[in-house]
Amino acid sequence: MESTSRRLDQLPVGSRAELGSPALEPSRCRRLAELGLRPGAQVTVLSRTPGGGRVLAVEDARIALDRATLRRIPAEPVSR
């Protein structure tokens, strides 16, 4: 990814991003992919949770992730 790359936990509410490859163990990467959160997928950050997590929109789904998982997923902001 380019220098504009960030981690998913750094993106503000309302932003859109393309996901990179998570730095997680294979079983967790597989589970995220099953939910639609795979490299190249575009997500929108819908809201923050009290513990620093985020609710994401990916395709027609809404998925909440904890802060620790978000920190392991690179994301490149994209324009609307």
PDB file of N, CA and C in Angstrom:
ATOM      1  N   MET A   1       0.836  -1.189   0.000  1.00  0.00           N
ATOM      2  CA  MET A   1       0.000   0.000   0.000  1.00  0.00           C
ATOM      3  C   MET A   1       0.876   1.245   0.000  1.00  0.00           C
ATOM      4  N   GLU A   2       0.284   2.364  -0.305  1.00  0.00           N
ATOM      5  CA  GLU A   2       1.020   3.622  -0.387  1.00  0.00           C
ATOM      6  C   GLU A   2       1.227   4.218   0.996  1.00  0.00           C
ATOM      7  N   SER A   3       1.861   5.382   1.023  1.00  0.00           N
ATOM      8  CA  SER A   3       2.120   6.068   2.282  1.00  0.00           C
ATOM      9  C   SER A   3       0.840   6.529   2.963  1.00  0.00           C
ATOM     10  N   THR A   4      -0.297   6.517   2.265  1.00  0.00           N
ATOM     11  CA  THR A   4      -1.566   6.895   2.863  1.00  0.00           C
ATOM     12  C   THR A   4      -2.143   5.754   3.700  1.00  0.00           C
ATOM     13  N   SER A   5      -1.463   4.612   3.726  1.00  0.00           N
ATOM     14  CA  SER A   5      -1.954   3.460   4.473  1.00  0.00           C
ATOM     15  C   SER A   5      -2.039   3.770   5.953  1.00  0.00           C
ATOM     16  N   ARG A   6      -3.043   3.209   6.549  1.00  0.00           N
ATOM     17  CA  ARG A   6      -3.265   3.332   7.978  1.00  0.00           C
ATOM     18  C   ARG A   6      -3.735   1.984   8.482  1.00  0.00           C
ATOM     19  N   ARG A   7      -3.967   1.940   9.756  1.00  0.00           N
ATOM     20  CA  ARG A   7      -4.629   0.778  10.340  1.00  0.00           C
ATOM     21  C   ARG A   7      -6.114   1.119  10.451  1.00  0.00           C
ATOM     22  N   LEU A   8      -6.926   0.100  10.462  1.00  0.00           N
ATOM     23  CA  LEU A   8      -8.370   0.308  10.500  1.00  0.00           C
ATOM     24  C   LEU A   8      -8.823   1.037  11.763  1.00  0.00           C
ATOM     25  N   ASP A   9      -8.100   0.883  12.865  1.00  0.00           N
ATOM     26  CA  ASP A   9      -8.489   1.567  14.108  1.00  0.00           C
ATOM     27  C   ASP A   9      -8.224   3.064  14.064  1.00  0.00           C
ATOM     28  N   GLN A  10      -7.477   3.533  13.077  1.00  0.00           N
ATOM     29  CA  GLN A  10      -7.132   4.959  12.985  1.00  0.00           C
ATOM     30  C   GLN A  10      -8.112   5.767  12.143  1.00  0.00           C
ATOM     31  N   LEU A  11      -9.036   5.108  11.481  1.00  0.00           N
ATOM     32  CA  LEU A  11      -9.939   5.818  10.578  1.00  0.00           C
ATOM     33  C   LEU A  11     -11.118   6.425  11.320  1.00  0.00           C
ATOM     34  N   PRO A  12     -11.478   7.650  10.987  1.00  0.00           N
ATOM     35  CA  PRO A  12     -12.619   8.295  11.653  1.00  0.00           C
ATOM     36  C   PRO A  12     -13.949   7.766  11.127  1.00  0.00           C
ATOM     37  N   VAL A  13     -14.977   7.961  11.913  1.00  0.00           N
ATOM     38  CA  VAL A  13     -16.329   7.593  11.516  1.00  0.00           C
ATOM     39  C   VAL A  13     -16.676   8.301  10.209  1.00  0.00           C
ATOM     40  N   GLY A  14     -17.294   7.566   9.299  1.00  0.00           N
ATOM     41  CA  GLY A  14     -17.710   8.116   8.010  1.00  0.00           C
ATOM     42  C   GLY A  14     -16.708   7.877   6.895  1.00  0.00           C
ATOM     43  N   SER A  15     -15.510   7.444   7.230  1.00  0.00           N
ATOM     44  CA  SER A  15     -14.497   7.240   6.187  1.00  0.00           C
ATOM     45  C   SER A  15     -14.670   5.879   5.523  1.00  0.00           C
ATOM     46  N   ARG A  16     -14.171   5.803   4.285  1.00  0.00           N
ATOM     47  CA  ARG A  16     -14.173   4.562   3.505  1.00  0.00           C
ATOM     48  C   ARG A  16     -12.731   4.133   3.308  1.00  0.00           C
ATOM     49  N   ALA A  17     -12.527   2.832   3.253  1.00  0.00           N
ATOM     50  CA  ALA A  17     -11.164   2.316   3.091  1.00  0.00           C
ATOM     51  C   ALA A  17     -11.186   0.968   2.387  1.00  0.00           C
ATOM     52  N   GLU A  18     -10.049   0.677   1.748  1.00  0.00           N
ATOM     53  CA  GLU A  18      -9.832  -0.648   1.170  1.00  0.00           C
ATOM     54  C   GLU A  18      -8.914  -1.404   2.116  1.00  0.00           C
ATOM     55  N   LEU A  19      -9.296  -2.623   2.443  1.00  0.00           N
ATOM     56  CA  LEU A  19      -8.550  -3.412   3.414  1.00  0.00           C
ATOM     57  C   LEU A  19      -7.324  -4.073   2.807  1.00  0.00           C
ATOM     58  N   GLY A  20      -6.286  -4.177   3.624  1.00  0.00           N
ATOM     59  CA  GLY A  20      -5.093  -4.932   3.273  1.00  0.00           C
ATOM     60  C   GLY A  20      -5.150  -6.293   3.947  1.00  0.00           C
ATOM     61  N   SER A  21      -4.037  -7.005   3.945  1.00  0.00           N
ATOM     62  CA  SER A  21      -3.962  -8.328   4.569  1.00  0.00           C
ATOM     63  C   SER A  21      -3.763  -8.189   6.070  1.00  0.00           C
ATOM     64  N   PRO A  22      -4.661  -8.762   6.873  1.00  0.00           N
ATOM     65  CA  PRO A  22      -4.534  -8.669   8.331  1.00  0.00           C
ATOM     66  C   PRO A  22      -3.301  -9.393   8.846  1.00  0.00           C
ATOM     67  N   ALA A  23      -2.710  -8.844   9.887  1.00  0.00           N
ATOM     68  CA  ALA A  23      -1.574  -9.481  10.554  1.00  0.00           C
ATOM     69  C   ALA A  23      -2.117 -10.304  11.718  1.00  0.00           C
ATOM     70  N   LEU A  24      -2.854 -11.350  11.369  1.00  0.00           N
ATOM     71  CA  LEU A  24      -3.496 -12.218  12.353  1.00  0.00           C
ATOM     72  C   LEU A  24      -3.207 -13.671  12.008  1.00  0.00           C
ATOM     73  N   GLU A  25      -3.470 -14.562  12.952  1.00  0.00           N
ATOM     74  CA  GLU A  25      -3.281 -15.973  12.672  1.00  0.00           C
ATOM     75  C   GLU A  25      -4.278 -16.418  11.587  1.00  0.00           C
ATOM     76  N   PRO A  26      -3.922 -17.450  10.823  1.00  0.00           N
ATOM     77  CA  PRO A  26      -4.742 -17.874   9.677  1.00  0.00           C
ATOM     78  C   PRO A  26      -6.209 -18.142   9.999  1.00  0.00           C
ATOM     79  N   SER A  27      -6.499 -18.721  11.150  1.00  0.00           N
ATOM     80  CA  SER A  27      -7.900 -19.016  11.481  1.00  0.00           C
ATOM     81  C   SER A  27      -8.716 -17.735  11.644  1.00  0.00           C
ATOM     82  N   ARG A  28      -8.120 -16.704  12.221  1.00  0.00           N
ATOM     83  CA  ARG A  28      -8.836 -15.426  12.371  1.00  0.00           C
ATOM     84  C   ARG A  28      -8.973 -14.715  11.038  1.00  0.00           C
ATOM     85  N   CYS A  29      -7.941 -14.806  10.184  1.00  0.00           N
ATOM     86  CA  CYS A  29      -8.030 -14.223   8.835  1.00  0.00           C
ATOM     87  C   CYS A  29      -9.157 -14.894   8.055  1.00  0.00           C
ATOM     88  N   ARG A  30      -9.248 -16.208   8.184  1.00  0.00           N
ATOM     89  CA  ARG A  30     -10.296 -16.962   7.487  1.00  0.00           C
ATOM     90  C   ARG A  30     -11.680 -16.521   7.977  1.00  0.00           C
ATOM     91  N   ARG A  31     -11.830 -16.352   9.276  1.00  0.00           N
ATOM     92  CA  ARG A  31     -13.129 -15.929   9.833  1.00  0.00           C
ATOM     93  C   ARG A  31     -13.496 -14.529   9.348  1.00  0.00           C
ATOM     94  N   LEU A  32     -12.546 -13.623   9.332  1.00  0.00           N
ATOM     95  CA  LEU A  32     -12.821 -12.281   8.814  1.00  0.00           C
ATOM     96  C   LEU A  32     -13.231 -12.339   7.352  1.00  0.00           C
ATOM     97  N   ALA A  33     -12.549 -13.186   6.572  1.00  0.00           N
ATOM     98  CA  ALA A  33     -12.888 -13.337   5.149  1.00  0.00           C
ATOM     99  C   ALA A  33     -14.305 -13.882   4.984  1.00  0.00           C
ATOM    100  N   GLU A  34     -14.705 -14.811   5.850  1.00  0.00           N
ATOM    101  CA  GLU A  34     -16.069 -15.348   5.806  1.00  0.00           C
ATOM    102  C   GLU A  34     -17.101 -14.248   6.044  1.00  0.00           C
ATOM    103  N   LEU A  35     -16.724 -13.249   6.832  1.00  0.00           N
ATOM    104  CA  LEU A  35     -17.617 -12.122   7.120  1.00  0.00           C
ATOM    105  C   LEU A  35     -17.576 -11.046   6.027  1.00  0.00           C
ATOM    106  N   GLY A  36     -16.692 -11.212   5.049  1.00  0.00           N
ATOM    107  CA  GLY A  36     -16.560 -10.233   3.974  1.00  0.00           C
ATOM    108  C   GLY A  36     -15.405  -9.278   4.151  1.00  0.00           C
ATOM    109  N   LEU A  37     -14.667  -9.413   5.251  1.00  0.00           N
ATOM    110  CA  LEU A  37     -13.535  -8.533   5.538  1.00  0.00           C
ATOM    111  C   LEU A  37     -12.258  -9.195   5.033  1.00  0.00           C
ATOM    112  N   ARG A  38     -12.048  -9.105   3.719  1.00  0.00           N
ATOM    113  CA  ARG A  38     -10.880  -9.727   3.086  1.00  0.00           C
ATOM    114  C   ARG A  38     -10.077  -8.652   2.374  1.00  0.00           C
ATOM    115  N   PRO A  39      -8.808  -8.918   2.083  1.00  0.00           N
ATOM    116  CA  PRO A  39      -7.995  -7.924   1.371  1.00  0.00           C
ATOM    117  C   PRO A  39      -8.676  -7.477   0.074  1.00  0.00           C
ATOM    118  N   GLY A  40      -8.711  -6.167  -0.113  1.00  0.00           N
ATOM    119  CA  GLY A  40      -9.348  -5.587  -1.292  1.00  0.00           C
ATOM    120  C   GLY A  40     -10.784  -5.166  -1.068  1.00  0.00           C
ATOM    121  N   ALA A  41     -11.413  -5.639  -0.001  1.00  0.00           N
ATOM    122  CA  ALA A  41     -12.793  -5.256   0.297  1.00  0.00           C
ATOM    123  C   ALA A  41     -12.838  -3.789   0.725  1.00  0.00           C
ATOM    124  N   GLN A  42     -13.913  -3.114   0.338  1.00  0.00           N
ATOM    125  CA  GLN A  42     -14.092  -1.732   0.773  1.00  0.00           C
ATOM    126  C   GLN A  42     -15.095  -1.684   1.911  1.00  0.00           C
ATOM    127  N   VAL A  43     -14.730  -0.947   2.948  1.00  0.00           N
ATOM    128  CA  VAL A  43     -15.586  -0.818   4.127  1.00  0.00           C
ATOM    129  C   VAL A  43     -15.837   0.652   4.419  1.00  0.00           C
ATOM    130  N   THR A  44     -16.909   0.908   5.149  1.00  0.00           N
ATOM    131  CA  THR A  44     -17.220   2.238   5.660  1.00  0.00           C
ATOM    132  C   THR A  44     -17.291   2.139   7.165  1.00  0.00           C
ATOM    133  N   VAL A  45     -16.621   3.065   7.856  1.00  0.00           N
ATOM    134  CA  VAL A  45     -16.670   3.096   9.314  1.00  0.00           C
ATOM    135  C   VAL A  45     -17.967   3.796   9.709  1.00  0.00           C
ATOM    136  N   LEU A  46     -18.868   3.051  10.362  1.00  0.00           N
ATOM    137  CA  LEU A  46     -20.175   3.598  10.716  1.00  0.00           C
ATOM    138  C   LEU A  46     -20.195   4.266  12.077  1.00  0.00           C
ATOM    139  N   SER A  47     -19.541   3.652  13.058  1.00  0.00           N
ATOM    140  CA  SER A  47     -19.541   4.231  14.403  1.00  0.00           C
ATOM    141  C   SER A  47     -18.421   3.633  15.239  1.00  0.00           C
ATOM    142  N   ARG A  48     -18.176   4.282  16.374  1.00  0.00           N
ATOM    143  CA  ARG A  48     -17.190   3.801  17.346  1.00  0.00           C
ATOM    144  C   ARG A  48     -17.935   3.141  18.485  1.00  0.00           C
ATOM    145  N   THR A  49     -17.271   2.190  19.121  1.00  0.00           N
ATOM    146  CA  THR A  49     -17.840   1.566  20.317  1.00  0.00           C
ATOM    147  C   THR A  49     -17.115   2.136  21.537  1.00  0.00           C
ATOM    148  N   PRO A  50     -17.694   2.021  22.722  1.00  0.00           N
ATOM    149  CA  PRO A  50     -17.061   2.588  23.912  1.00  0.00           C
ATOM    150  C   PRO A  50     -15.638   2.100  24.164  1.00  0.00           C
ATOM    151  N   GLY A  51     -15.315   0.886  23.805  1.00  0.00           N
ATOM    152  CA  GLY A  51     -13.981   0.339  24.053  1.00  0.00           C
ATOM    153  C   GLY A  51     -12.979   0.629  22.955  1.00  0.00           C
ATOM    154  N   GLY A  52     -13.328   1.471  21.987  1.00  0.00           N
ATOM    155  CA  GLY A  52     -12.416   1.808  20.910  1.00  0.00           C
ATOM    156  C   GLY A  52     -12.579   0.961  19.660  1.00  0.00           C
ATOM    157  N   GLY A  53     -13.552   0.064  19.654  1.00  0.00           N
ATOM    158  CA  GLY A  53     -13.845  -0.726  18.466  1.00  0.00           C
ATOM    159  C   GLY A  53     -14.592   0.107  17.437  1.00  0.00           C
ATOM    160  N   ARG A  54     -14.966  -0.534  16.367  1.00  0.00           N
ATOM    161  CA  ARG A  54     -15.702   0.142  15.302  1.00  0.00           C
ATOM    162  C   ARG A  54     -16.788  -0.777  14.756  1.00  0.00           C
ATOM    163  N   VAL A  55     -17.863  -0.169  14.279  1.00  0.00           N
ATOM    164  CA  VAL A  55     -18.877  -0.880  13.512  1.00  0.00           C
ATOM    165  C   VAL A  55     -18.611  -0.532  12.058  1.00  0.00           C
ATOM    166  N   LEU A  56     -18.443  -1.556  11.232  1.00  0.00           N
ATOM    167  CA  LEU A  56     -18.105  -1.378   9.823  1.00  0.00           C
ATOM    168  C   LEU A  56     -19.238  -1.857   8.938  1.00  0.00           C
ATOM    169  N   ALA A  57     -19.389  -1.200   7.806  1.00  0.00           N
ATOM    170  CA  ALA A  57     -20.302  -1.672   6.763  1.00  0.00           C
ATOM    171  C   ALA A  57     -19.443  -2.267   5.664  1.00  0.00           C
ATOM    172  N   VAL A  58     -19.744  -3.497   5.297  1.00  0.00           N
ATOM    173  CA  VAL A  58     -19.078  -4.158   4.183  1.00  0.00           C
ATOM    174  C   VAL A  58     -20.182  -4.847   3.387  1.00  0.00           C
ATOM    175  N   GLU A  59     -20.311  -4.451   2.132  1.00  0.00           N
ATOM    176  CA  GLU A  59     -21.422  -4.904   1.296  1.00  0.00           C
ATOM    177  C   GLU A  59     -22.719  -4.613   2.038  1.00  0.00           C
ATOM    178  N   ASP A  60     -23.584  -5.610   2.263  1.00  0.00           N
ATOM    179  CA  ASP A  60     -24.860  -5.386   2.953  1.00  0.00           C
ATOM    180  C   ASP A  60     -24.793  -5.684   4.441  1.00  0.00           C
ATOM    181  N   ALA A  61     -23.616  -6.029   4.945  1.00  0.00           N
ATOM    182  CA  ALA A  61     -23.470  -6.434   6.346  1.00  0.00           C
ATOM    183  C   ALA A  61     -22.959  -5.292   7.220  1.00  0.00           C
ATOM    184  N   ARG A  62     -23.252  -5.387   8.506  1.00  0.00           N
ATOM    185  CA  ARG A  62     -22.709  -4.504   9.527  1.00  0.00           C
ATOM    186  C   ARG A  62     -21.951  -5.385  10.499  1.00  0.00           C
ATOM    187  N   ILE A  63     -20.675  -5.076  10.739  1.00  0.00           N
ATOM    188  CA  ILE A  63     -19.828  -5.934  11.557  1.00  0.00           C
ATOM    189  C   ILE A  63     -19.104  -5.083  12.585  1.00  0.00           C
ATOM    190  N   ALA A  64     -19.130  -5.512  13.840  1.00  0.00           N
ATOM    191  CA  ALA A  64     -18.405  -4.821  14.903  1.00  0.00           C
ATOM    192  C   ALA A  64     -17.113  -5.581  15.196  1.00  0.00           C
ATOM    193  N   LEU A  65     -16.017  -4.828  15.274  1.00  0.00           N
ATOM    194  CA  LEU A  65     -14.716  -5.410  15.601  1.00  0.00           C
ATOM    195  C   LEU A  65     -14.107  -4.682  16.789  1.00  0.00           C
ATOM    196  N   ASP A  66     -13.387  -5.414  17.602  1.00  0.00           N
ATOM    197  CA  ASP A  66     -12.714  -4.826  18.748  1.00  0.00           C
ATOM    198  C   ASP A  66     -11.447  -4.082  18.309  1.00  0.00           C
ATOM    199  N   ARG A  67     -10.959  -3.232  19.180  1.00  0.00           N
ATOM    200  CA  ARG A  67      -9.796  -2.403  18.873  1.00  0.00           C
ATOM    201  C   ARG A  67      -8.556  -3.230  18.556  1.00  0.00           C
ATOM    202  N   ALA A  68      -8.325  -4.308  19.303  1.00  0.00           N
ATOM    203  CA  ALA A  68      -7.138  -5.138  19.080  1.00  0.00           C
ATOM    204  C   ALA A  68      -7.126  -5.733  17.668  1.00  0.00           C
ATOM    205  N   THR A  69      -8.267  -6.162  17.188  1.00  0.00           N
ATOM    206  CA  THR A  69      -8.351  -6.713  15.831  1.00  0.00           C
ATOM    207  C   THR A  69      -8.176  -5.607  14.799  1.00  0.00           C
ATOM    208  N   LEU A  70      -8.807  -4.472  15.021  1.00  0.00           N
ATOM    209  CA  LEU A  70      -8.693  -3.340  14.086  1.00  0.00           C
ATOM    210  C   LEU A  70      -7.243  -2.907  13.900  1.00  0.00           C
ATOM    211  N   ARG A  71      -6.461  -2.967  14.968  1.00  0.00           N
ATOM    212  CA  ARG A  71      -5.048  -2.558  14.913  1.00  0.00           C
ATOM    213  C   ARG A  71      -4.221  -3.472  14.020  1.00  0.00           C
ATOM    214  N   ARG A  72      -4.711  -4.640  13.730  1.00  0.00           N
ATOM    215  CA  ARG A  72      -3.960  -5.617  12.935  1.00  0.00           C
ATOM    216  C   ARG A  72      -4.378  -5.633  11.463  1.00  0.00           C
ATOM    217  N   ILE A  73      -5.290  -4.719  11.074  1.00  0.00           N
ATOM    218  CA  ILE A  73      -5.788  -4.702   9.697  1.00  0.00           C
ATOM    219  C   ILE A  73      -5.381  -3.393   9.023  1.00  0.00           C
ATOM    220  N   PRO A  74      -4.504  -3.460   8.006  1.00  0.00           N
ATOM    221  CA  PRO A  74      -4.159  -2.240   7.282  1.00  0.00           C
ATOM    222  C   PRO A  74      -5.328  -1.798   6.408  1.00  0.00           C
ATOM    223  N   ALA A  75      -5.461  -0.492   6.253  1.00  0.00           N
ATOM    224  CA  ALA A  75      -6.565   0.050   5.468  1.00  0.00           C
ATOM    225  C   ALA A  75      -6.076   1.304   4.735  1.00  0.00           C
ATOM    226  N   GLU A  76      -6.380   1.359   3.457  1.00  0.00           N
ATOM    227  CA  GLU A  76      -6.015   2.507   2.644  1.00  0.00           C
ATOM    228  C   GLU A  76      -7.269   3.343   2.366  1.00  0.00           C
ATOM    229  N   PRO A  77      -7.308   4.580   2.869  1.00  0.00           N
ATOM    230  CA  PRO A  77      -8.490   5.417   2.638  1.00  0.00           C
ATOM    231  C   PRO A  77      -8.764   5.569   1.139  1.00  0.00           C
ATOM    232  N   VAL A  78     -10.044   5.557   0.798  1.00  0.00           N
ATOM    233  CA  VAL A  78     -10.474   5.764  -0.584  1.00  0.00           C
ATOM    234  C   VAL A  78     -11.505   6.880  -0.607  1.00  0.00           C
ATOM    235  N   SER A  79     -11.561   7.567  -1.734  1.00  0.00           N
ATOM    236  CA  SER A  79     -12.560   8.631  -1.859  1.00  0.00           C
ATOM    237  C   SER A  79     -13.908   8.023  -2.174  1.00  0.00           C
ATOM    238  N   ARG A  80     -14.917   8.769  -1.877  1.00  0.00           N
ATOM    239  CA  ARG A  80     -16.287   8.286  -2.080  1.00  0.00           C
ATOM    240  C   ARG A  80     -16.566   8.291  -3.516  1.00  0.00           C
TER     241      ARG A  80
END
